[in-house]
Amino acid sequence: MKIYKSAGLEAFSGNPVCVTISVKNIQKRKVNVSLLDLPPATFTVTSISRSDGDGMGPESPDYLNWNFVLAPEEKKTFSYYIKSDQPGAHRVPQVHTYSNLCGQTYNECSDSDNIITIFENISYLPYRNETHTEVTISSGVDLSSYLDKNGYSLLDIRVENKELDAFIFIPKGTRLLDSHKESIQAITITEVDQPSLPASLLLAEKCYGLEPEGAEFDPFCRLDLSLSDSVKGNFPAIYRYCGSNSIWNLTDCIVNENRISADISDFSIYAVLAEPPQEIKLNVKIVPS
């Protein structure tokens, strides 16, 4: 008896794998054959077929069994499908035949040695042909990959500090250079101590330190800050602090509901300052009734 068994080598979790068994009678007389096969551990049988006629016996949940007669030099082929949800390499058991020849029972098995590898299923995402025109990064994160070799931004860049509710917007094509005229590697937005203020102004929000110190932008970038509803003082505006002469310079800023922004061309300390509330004196004259 010649017995051959083959199985598919690879599949994804839950997908069917085909197993094929062929049995040939090499005797010069007919043989009654009982064929017994087991699926690999963790596998279940999904369907069974025969390529050459009747003869399939009942199968159990644990094994497959066929009973048939083979004429001299006759070959029969059987196939079935199995599947498993368990990823990994699974050894395929050998198939066994039991035959009766001249009153003597013979047990033979296939000499094939198969391994089925089950892979995790692949998740496919729909392809989106989108061109990104803006990127948002956190304060202090490296932005050099968004600049060309000359320091020009390749797309709109937004550097934000979520805790401070502040961000810097850098339009595409803006050149970002540090104090050594090299491309800027990173931009940070932090809260800093308040420098001295003139008597004519008071601090309405926080003081923001923008680094690297001495950085320049051509043509500009935009500083955008949150503005609370309980701002103290009148006419809040963004001011730039000049450390060399300890002067606060007013910027050309825009107030939009709860935010305030200004176009800037370099880094320093910036803050929202306001004019102190004006004291109103009322002269009340009591007129007798």
Protein backbone atom coordinates (compact mmCIF):
# COMPACT_ATOMS: atom_id res chain seq x y z
CA MET A 1 0.00 0.00 0.00
CA LYS A 2 1.32 3.43 -0.95
CA ILE A 3 -0.10 6.30 1.09
CA TYR A 4 0.49 9.99 0.55
CA LYS A 5 -0.86 12.95 2.51
CA SER A 6 -0.32 16.65 1.81
CA ALA A 7 -1.68 19.87 3.34
CA GLY A 8 -1.52 23.57 2.59
CA LEU A 9 1.53 25.15 4.21
CA GLU A 10 0.16 28.58 5.22
CA ALA A 11 -3.15 30.25 6.00
CA PHE A 12 -4.63 33.10 7.99
CA SER A 13 -6.57 32.54 11.20
CA GLY A 14 -10.01 31.09 10.44
CA ASN A 15 -9.28 30.48 6.74
CA PRO A 16 -9.63 26.95 5.26
CA VAL A 17 -6.64 24.70 4.53
CA CYS A 18 -6.97 21.82 2.05
CA VAL A 19 -5.74 18.33 3.02
CA THR A 20 -5.37 15.64 0.31
CA ILE A 21 -4.88 11.89 0.87
CA SER A 22 -4.17 9.29 -1.81
CA VAL A 23 -4.03 5.51 -1.30
CA LYS A 24 -2.80 3.05 -3.97
CA ASN A 25 -2.98 -0.74 -3.90
CA ILE A 26 0.32 -2.13 -5.18
CA GLN A 27 -0.78 -5.76 -4.62
CA LYS A 28 -1.95 -8.12 -7.39
CA ARG A 29 -5.24 -8.72 -5.58
CA LYS A 30 -8.02 -6.52 -4.27
CA VAL A 31 -7.80 -5.21 -0.71
CA ASN A 32 -10.40 -4.08 1.83
CA VAL A 33 -9.09 -0.83 3.30
CA SER A 34 -10.10 1.24 6.31
CA LEU A 35 -8.51 4.71 6.32
CA LEU A 36 -8.26 6.71 9.53
CA ASP A 37 -7.09 10.33 9.74
CA LEU A 38 -6.89 12.99 12.44
CA PRO A 39 -6.93 16.79 11.96
CA PRO A 40 -4.13 18.71 13.75
CA ALA A 41 -4.82 19.94 17.28
CA THR A 42 -7.00 23.11 17.42
CA PHE A 43 -8.28 22.43 13.85
CA THR A 44 -11.85 21.60 12.90
CA VAL A 45 -13.08 19.95 9.69
CA THR A 46 -15.24 22.26 7.55
CA SER A 47 -15.99 20.10 4.48
CA ILE A 48 -15.14 16.68 3.00
CA SER A 49 -15.01 15.53 -0.61
CA ARG A 50 -13.96 12.55 -2.74
CA SER A 51 -12.52 12.86 -6.22
CA ASP A 52 -13.33 9.38 -7.48
CA GLY A 53 -16.69 8.03 -6.40
CA ASP A 54 -18.36 6.57 -3.35
CA GLY A 55 -16.82 4.99 -0.34
CA MET A 56 -16.68 7.67 2.33
CA GLY A 57 -17.69 6.40 5.72
CA PRO A 58 -19.05 8.44 8.64
CA GLU A 59 -16.71 10.88 10.34
CA SER A 60 -16.63 11.77 14.04
CA PRO A 61 -15.75 15.15 15.57
CA ASP A 62 -12.35 13.70 16.52
CA TYR A 63 -11.30 11.75 13.42
CA LEU A 64 -12.11 10.95 9.78
CA ASN A 65 -12.77 7.41 8.58
CA TRP A 66 -13.24 5.92 5.10
CA ASN A 67 -13.90 2.26 4.24
CA PHE A 68 -13.43 1.09 0.65
CA VAL A 69 -12.10 -1.66 -1.64
CA LEU A 70 -9.07 -1.20 -3.88
CA ALA A 71 -8.54 -3.32 -6.97
CA PRO A 72 -4.94 -4.17 -7.99
CA GLU A 73 -3.03 -0.96 -8.94
CA GLU A 74 -6.11 1.12 -8.13
CA LYS A 75 -5.73 4.50 -6.39
CA LYS A 76 -8.32 6.56 -4.55
CA THR A 77 -7.99 10.21 -3.54
CA PHE A 78 -9.75 11.98 -0.70
CA SER A 79 -9.71 15.63 0.32
CA TYR A 80 -11.18 17.79 3.06
CA TYR A 81 -10.82 21.28 4.49
CA ILE A 82 -9.82 22.27 8.00
CA LYS A 83 -9.38 25.60 9.78
CA SER A 84 -8.00 26.97 13.04
CA ASP A 85 -8.15 30.29 14.89
CA GLN A 86 -4.89 29.56 16.71
CA PRO A 87 -1.82 31.24 15.11
CA GLY A 88 1.40 29.25 15.09
CA ALA A 89 3.07 26.25 13.47
CA HIS A 90 0.93 23.07 13.62
CA ARG A 91 2.20 19.58 12.83
CA VAL A 92 -0.06 17.50 10.58
CA PRO A 93 -0.61 13.92 11.89
CA GLN A 94 0.13 10.99 9.60
CA VAL A 95 -2.78 9.11 8.04
CA HIS A 96 -3.21 5.40 8.87
CA THR A 97 -4.72 2.53 6.84
CA TYR A 98 -5.85 -0.87 8.05
CA SER A 99 -6.16 -3.61 5.42
CA ASN A 100 -7.03 -7.29 5.39
CA LEU A 101 -4.92 -9.45 3.11
CA CYS A 102 -5.41 -13.23 3.21
CA GLY A 103 -6.89 -13.00 6.71
CA GLN A 104 -3.94 -10.97 7.99
CA THR A 105 -4.43 -7.38 9.22
CA TYR A 106 -1.84 -4.84 8.16
CA ASN A 107 -1.39 -1.30 9.54
CA GLU A 108 0.48 1.26 7.45
CA CYS A 109 0.92 5.03 7.62
CA SER A 110 1.99 7.85 5.34
CA ASP A 111 5.58 9.02 5.43
CA SER A 112 4.82 12.70 4.69
CA ASP A 113 5.65 15.28 7.36
CA ASN A 114 3.71 18.56 6.93
CA ILE A 115 3.65 21.74 9.01
CA ILE A 116 0.78 24.24 8.67
CA THR A 117 1.59 27.81 9.72
CA ILE A 118 -1.39 29.94 10.76
CA PHE A 119 -0.90 33.71 10.73
CA GLU A 120 -2.84 36.49 12.41
CA ASN A 121 -5.45 38.08 10.17
CA ILE A 122 -4.37 41.30 8.46
CA SER A 123 -6.50 44.40 8.97
CA TYR A 124 -6.83 46.52 5.86
CA LEU A 125 -7.55 50.24 6.01
CA PRO A 126 -9.06 52.00 3.02
CA TYR A 127 -6.45 53.93 1.06
CA ARG A 128 -6.82 57.66 1.23
CA ASN A 129 -5.02 59.73 -1.33
CA GLU A 130 -4.69 62.81 0.85
CA THR A 131 -1.95 65.41 0.77
CA HIS A 132 -1.18 66.80 4.22
CA THR A 133 -0.84 70.58 4.21
CA GLU A 134 -0.55 71.14 7.97
CA VAL A 135 1.09 69.32 10.85
CA THR A 136 0.57 69.83 14.59
CA ILE A 137 3.41 69.00 17.00
CA SER A 138 3.89 69.53 20.70
CA SER A 139 6.18 72.13 22.21
CA GLY A 140 9.78 70.91 22.23
CA VAL A 141 9.30 68.18 19.60
CA ASP A 142 11.83 67.97 16.75
CA LEU A 143 10.47 69.73 13.66
CA SER A 144 13.52 69.41 11.37
CA SER A 145 11.78 66.81 9.19
CA TYR A 146 9.27 69.50 8.18
CA LEU A 147 11.97 71.92 7.00
CA ASP A 148 14.15 71.84 3.91
CA LYS A 149 17.95 72.11 4.06
CA ASN A 150 17.73 75.92 4.06
CA GLY A 151 15.31 76.11 6.96
CA TYR A 152 12.10 76.80 4.99
CA SER A 153 8.93 75.11 6.25
CA LEU A 154 7.61 72.51 3.80
CA LEU A 155 4.03 72.84 5.06
CA ASP A 156 2.03 74.77 7.65
CA ILE A 157 3.35 73.93 11.12
CA ARG A 158 1.49 74.38 14.39
CA VAL A 159 3.56 74.07 17.60
CA GLU A 160 1.33 73.90 20.67
CA ASN A 161 1.48 73.70 24.44
CA LYS A 162 -1.88 72.25 25.44
CA GLU A 163 -1.43 72.92 29.15
CA LEU A 164 -0.90 76.63 28.52
CA ASP A 165 -3.51 76.68 25.72
CA ALA A 166 -1.03 78.47 23.48
CA PHE A 167 0.38 77.75 20.04
CA ILE A 168 2.62 79.17 17.32
CA PHE A 169 1.49 78.93 13.71
CA ILE A 170 4.23 78.89 11.04
CA PRO A 171 2.98 79.28 7.45
CA LYS A 172 4.44 77.14 4.68
CA GLY A 173 7.49 78.79 3.13
CA THR A 174 8.55 80.61 6.31
CA ARG A 175 12.27 80.48 7.03
CA LEU A 176 13.17 79.48 10.60
CA LEU A 177 16.69 80.33 11.73
CA ASP A 178 18.31 80.29 15.17
CA SER A 179 20.79 82.85 16.51
CA HIS A 180 23.61 81.09 14.58
CA LYS A 181 21.66 81.34 11.29
CA GLU A 182 21.07 77.56 11.32
CA SER A 183 17.73 75.80 10.85
CA ILE A 184 15.72 75.59 14.05
CA GLN A 185 15.50 72.05 15.46
CA ALA A 186 12.65 72.60 17.94
CA ILE A 187 10.38 75.32 19.33
CA THR A 188 9.27 75.49 22.96
CA ILE A 189 6.50 77.46 24.64
CA THR A 190 6.81 77.73 28.45
CA GLU A 191 5.46 79.84 31.28
CA VAL A 192 8.13 82.17 32.71
CA ASP A 193 8.40 84.58 35.60
CA GLN A 194 7.03 88.05 35.07
CA PRO A 195 9.60 90.76 34.32
CA SER A 196 8.96 94.14 35.88
CA LEU A 197 5.99 96.01 34.42
CA PRO A 198 5.49 99.73 33.95
CA ALA A 199 2.95 101.34 36.24
CA SER A 200 0.67 101.94 33.26
CA LEU A 201 0.17 98.20 32.57
CA LEU A 202 -0.86 95.09 34.47
CA LEU A 203 -0.52 91.39 33.68
CA ALA A 204 -3.82 90.09 32.29
CA GLU A 205 -2.70 86.49 31.62
CA LYS A 206 0.56 84.50 31.86
CA CYS A 207 4.06 85.36 30.65
CA TYR A 208 5.18 83.08 27.83
CA GLY A 209 8.80 82.29 27.01
CA LEU A 210 9.43 81.35 23.37
CA GLU A 211 12.65 79.54 22.55
CA PRO A 212 15.23 79.19 21.10
CA GLU A 213 16.23 82.66 22.15
CA GLY A 214 17.26 84.83 19.25
CA ALA A 215 15.33 82.82 16.67
CA GLU A 216 14.13 84.75 13.63
CA PHE A 217 11.31 84.14 11.17
CA ASP A 218 11.02 85.38 7.62
CA PRO A 219 8.46 86.67 6.97
CA PHE A 220 6.66 85.89 10.28
CA CYS A 221 4.91 83.39 12.54
CA ARG A 222 1.72 83.85 14.55
CA LEU A 223 1.49 83.59 18.34
CA ASP A 224 -1.99 82.58 19.50
CA LEU A 225 -2.93 82.71 23.21
CA SER A 226 -6.06 81.98 25.22
CA LEU A 227 -7.92 84.91 26.75
CA SER A 228 -10.08 84.24 29.79
CA ASP A 229 -13.40 85.94 30.41
CA SER A 230 -12.15 87.42 33.68
CA VAL A 231 -9.32 89.50 32.24
CA LYS A 232 -8.32 92.30 34.59
CA GLY A 233 -7.95 95.73 33.12
CA ASN A 234 -8.94 97.32 29.85
CA PHE A 235 -7.80 96.83 26.24
CA PRO A 236 -5.79 93.59 26.61
CA ALA A 237 -3.02 93.19 24.03
CA ILE A 238 0.10 91.11 23.39
CA TYR A 239 3.36 92.81 24.35
CA ARG A 240 6.94 91.76 23.61
CA TYR A 241 9.56 92.15 26.33
CA CYS A 242 12.96 93.50 25.27
CA GLY A 243 15.46 92.30 27.87
CA SER A 244 18.30 94.60 26.74
CA ASN A 245 16.46 97.75 27.79
CA SER A 246 13.65 96.25 29.95
CA ILE A 247 10.91 97.68 27.74
CA TRP A 248 7.55 96.16 26.82
CA ASN A 249 6.62 96.83 23.18
CA LEU A 250 3.03 96.63 21.95
CA THR A 251 2.38 94.26 19.01
CA ASP A 252 -0.27 94.54 16.35
CA CYS A 253 -2.69 91.94 17.71
CA ILE A 254 -6.21 90.71 17.07
CA VAL A 255 -8.78 89.70 19.69
CA ASN A 256 -11.29 87.06 18.60
CA GLU A 257 -13.73 86.00 21.35
CA ASN A 258 -11.61 84.09 23.89
CA ARG A 259 -8.31 84.19 21.96
CA ILE A 260 -5.74 86.81 21.08
CA SER A 261 -3.04 86.54 18.40
CA ALA A 262 -0.18 88.57 16.93
CA ASP A 263 2.27 88.14 14.06
CA ILE A 264 5.83 88.04 15.38
CA SER A 265 9.24 87.82 13.70
CA ASP A 266 11.46 86.74 16.59
CA PHE A 267 11.39 84.96 19.95
CA SER A 268 11.42 86.61 23.35
CA ILE A 269 9.06 86.85 26.33
CA TYR A 270 5.49 87.68 25.40
CA ALA A 271 2.52 88.43 27.63
CA VAL A 272 -1.02 89.74 27.52
CA LEU A 273 -1.00 93.09 29.31
CA ALA A 274 -3.86 95.47 29.94
CA GLU A 275 -4.41 99.01 31.09
CA PRO A 276 -5.51 99.35 34.72
CA PRO A 277 -9.20 100.03 35.28
CA GLN A 278 -9.94 103.73 35.41
CA GLU A 279 -11.22 105.02 38.71
CA ILE A 280 -14.42 106.93 38.27
CA LYS A 281 -15.25 109.59 40.84
CA LEU A 282 -18.85 110.58 41.22
CA ASN A 283 -19.86 113.92 42.68
CA VAL A 284 -23.27 113.51 44.22
CA LYS A 285 -25.23 116.57 45.22
CA ILE A 286 -28.11 115.94 47.56
CA VAL A 287 -31.02 118.27 46.96
CA PRO A 288 -33.54 118.52 49.76
CA SER A 289 -37.01 117.56 48.71
